[in-house]
Amino acid sequence: MMQSKIIEGVRISPLQKHLWLLQHIDKQTPFRAQVAALIEGKLDKGNLKLALKNVVNKHEILRTKFKCLPGLEIPVQVINNDDIIWEDEYDLTSWETQQQKAKIDVIFQDMLQLPL
């Protein structure tokens, strides 16, 4: 006998519902925020990861996903309490500026193809 996982969620706000409906209509263009940062000088990757982890842990909205539960047409918010998963790291320091920009564009396009 298979046990079902219990998912606890919170009703989404009217604005979240509007954005979800827009995305639901156009499944080809997922609503995601992407950002690239230029960091010059010495970088302690461990400290950067720790700082980002602390920001994400402090703000629930950064850990929130919409889940459609069986029988519901509109999703609920589900707050993930797991640690950040670092998918990939890219070191583009030896690349020319134009090559870096092109690679970042390719990375962002690849990320858009990932499932939500």
Protein backbone atom coordinates (compact mmCIF):
# COMPACT_ATOMS: atom_id res chain seq x y z
CA MET A 1 0.00 0.00 0.00
CA MET A 2 1.38 3.38 -1.03
CA GLN A 3 1.36 6.24 1.45
CA SER A 4 0.41 9.62 0.10
CA LYS A 5 2.52 12.62 1.02
CA ILE A 6 0.70 15.33 2.94
CA ILE A 7 1.21 18.78 1.46
CA GLU A 8 0.35 21.80 3.56
CA GLY A 9 -0.31 24.98 1.66
CA VAL A 10 -1.63 28.50 1.96
CA ARG A 11 -4.19 30.15 -0.30
CA ILE A 12 -2.55 32.33 -2.96
CA SER A 13 -3.17 36.07 -3.10
CA PRO A 14 -5.24 37.68 -5.88
CA LEU A 15 -2.06 38.95 -7.59
CA GLN A 16 -0.42 35.53 -7.37
CA LYS A 17 -3.59 33.99 -8.79
CA HIS A 18 -3.48 36.46 -11.71
CA LEU A 19 0.18 35.64 -12.45
CA TRP A 20 -0.49 31.92 -12.16
CA LEU A 21 -3.45 32.14 -14.56
CA LEU A 22 -1.33 34.09 -17.07
CA GLN A 23 1.39 31.46 -16.89
CA HIS A 24 -1.13 28.63 -17.02
CA ILE A 25 -2.54 30.01 -20.28
CA ASP A 26 0.91 30.35 -21.88
CA LYS A 27 2.80 27.26 -20.74
CA GLN A 28 5.63 28.03 -23.17
CA THR A 29 6.83 31.01 -21.10
CA PRO A 30 7.28 30.15 -17.43
CA PHE A 31 7.33 33.07 -15.01
CA ARG A 32 10.78 33.06 -13.48
CA ALA A 33 13.18 35.67 -12.25
CA GLN A 34 16.75 35.42 -13.46
CA VAL A 35 19.70 37.56 -12.54
CA ALA A 36 23.41 37.65 -13.25
CA ALA A 37 25.82 39.62 -11.08
CA LEU A 38 29.23 40.92 -12.02
CA ILE A 39 31.56 40.46 -9.08
CA GLU A 40 34.99 42.01 -9.38
CA GLY A 41 37.92 41.24 -7.12
CA LYS A 42 38.49 38.29 -4.83
CA LEU A 43 35.44 36.18 -4.12
CA ASP A 44 34.99 33.74 -1.28
CA LYS A 45 32.42 31.37 -2.81
CA GLY A 46 31.72 29.76 0.55
CA ASN A 47 30.79 33.09 2.12
CA LEU A 48 28.68 34.05 -0.91
CA LYS A 49 26.75 30.78 -0.73
CA LEU A 50 26.24 31.19 3.02
CA ALA A 51 24.98 34.77 2.56
CA LEU A 52 22.55 33.70 -0.18
CA LYS A 53 21.37 30.77 1.93
CA ASN A 54 20.72 33.14 4.84
CA VAL A 55 18.70 35.51 2.64
CA VAL A 56 16.61 32.65 1.23
CA ASN A 57 16.04 31.19 4.71
CA LYS A 58 14.94 34.59 6.02
CA HIS A 59 12.37 35.27 3.28
CA GLU A 60 9.74 32.55 2.77
CA ILE A 61 8.67 33.98 -0.59
CA LEU A 62 12.05 32.93 -2.02
CA ARG A 63 11.25 29.31 -1.05
CA THR A 64 7.63 29.33 -2.21
CA LYS A 65 6.20 27.25 -5.05
CA PHE A 66 2.65 26.85 -6.32
CA LYS A 67 1.27 23.32 -6.15
CA CYS A 68 -1.99 22.19 -7.72
CA LEU A 69 -3.51 19.62 -5.42
CA PRO A 70 -5.97 16.98 -6.62
CA GLY A 71 -9.46 18.45 -6.93
CA LEU A 72 -8.31 22.06 -6.89
CA GLU A 73 -8.26 24.31 -9.94
CA ILE A 74 -6.19 27.05 -8.31
CA PRO A 75 -2.90 26.11 -6.61
CA VAL A 76 -1.80 26.75 -3.07
CA GLN A 77 1.50 28.17 -1.88
CA VAL A 78 3.87 25.58 -0.49
CA ILE A 79 6.92 26.83 1.38
CA ASN A 80 10.00 24.67 0.95
CA ASN A 81 12.15 24.31 4.05
CA ASP A 82 14.96 22.40 2.34
CA ASP A 83 18.40 23.83 1.75
CA ILE A 84 19.28 25.57 -1.50
CA ILE A 85 20.50 23.15 -4.13
CA TRP A 86 23.39 24.55 -6.14
CA GLU A 87 22.77 23.07 -9.58
CA ASP A 88 25.81 24.34 -11.43
CA GLU A 89 28.68 26.74 -11.05
CA TYR A 90 30.30 28.54 -13.95
CA ASP A 91 33.71 30.18 -13.86
CA LEU A 92 33.88 32.60 -16.78
CA THR A 93 36.83 34.64 -15.50
CA SER A 94 39.12 33.63 -18.36
CA TRP A 95 36.51 34.48 -21.02
CA GLU A 96 36.23 37.78 -22.90
CA THR A 97 33.30 40.04 -21.93
CA GLN A 98 31.26 39.24 -25.06
CA GLN A 99 31.85 35.50 -24.57
CA GLN A 100 30.71 35.80 -20.95
CA LYS A 101 27.50 37.59 -21.96
CA ALA A 102 26.77 35.00 -24.66
CA LYS A 103 27.37 32.11 -22.24
CA ILE A 104 25.11 33.72 -19.61
CA ASP A 105 22.36 34.05 -22.23
CA VAL A 106 22.74 30.35 -23.10
CA ILE A 107 22.62 29.38 -19.40
CA PHE A 108 19.44 31.42 -18.88
CA GLN A 109 17.79 29.88 -21.95
CA ASP A 110 18.69 26.39 -20.71
CA MET A 111 17.20 27.21 -17.28
CA LEU A 112 13.92 28.28 -18.91
CA GLN A 113 13.58 24.71 -20.21
CA LEU A 114 13.76 23.21 -16.70
CA PRO A 115 10.47 21.99 -15.23
CA LEU A 116 8.82 24.27 -12.67
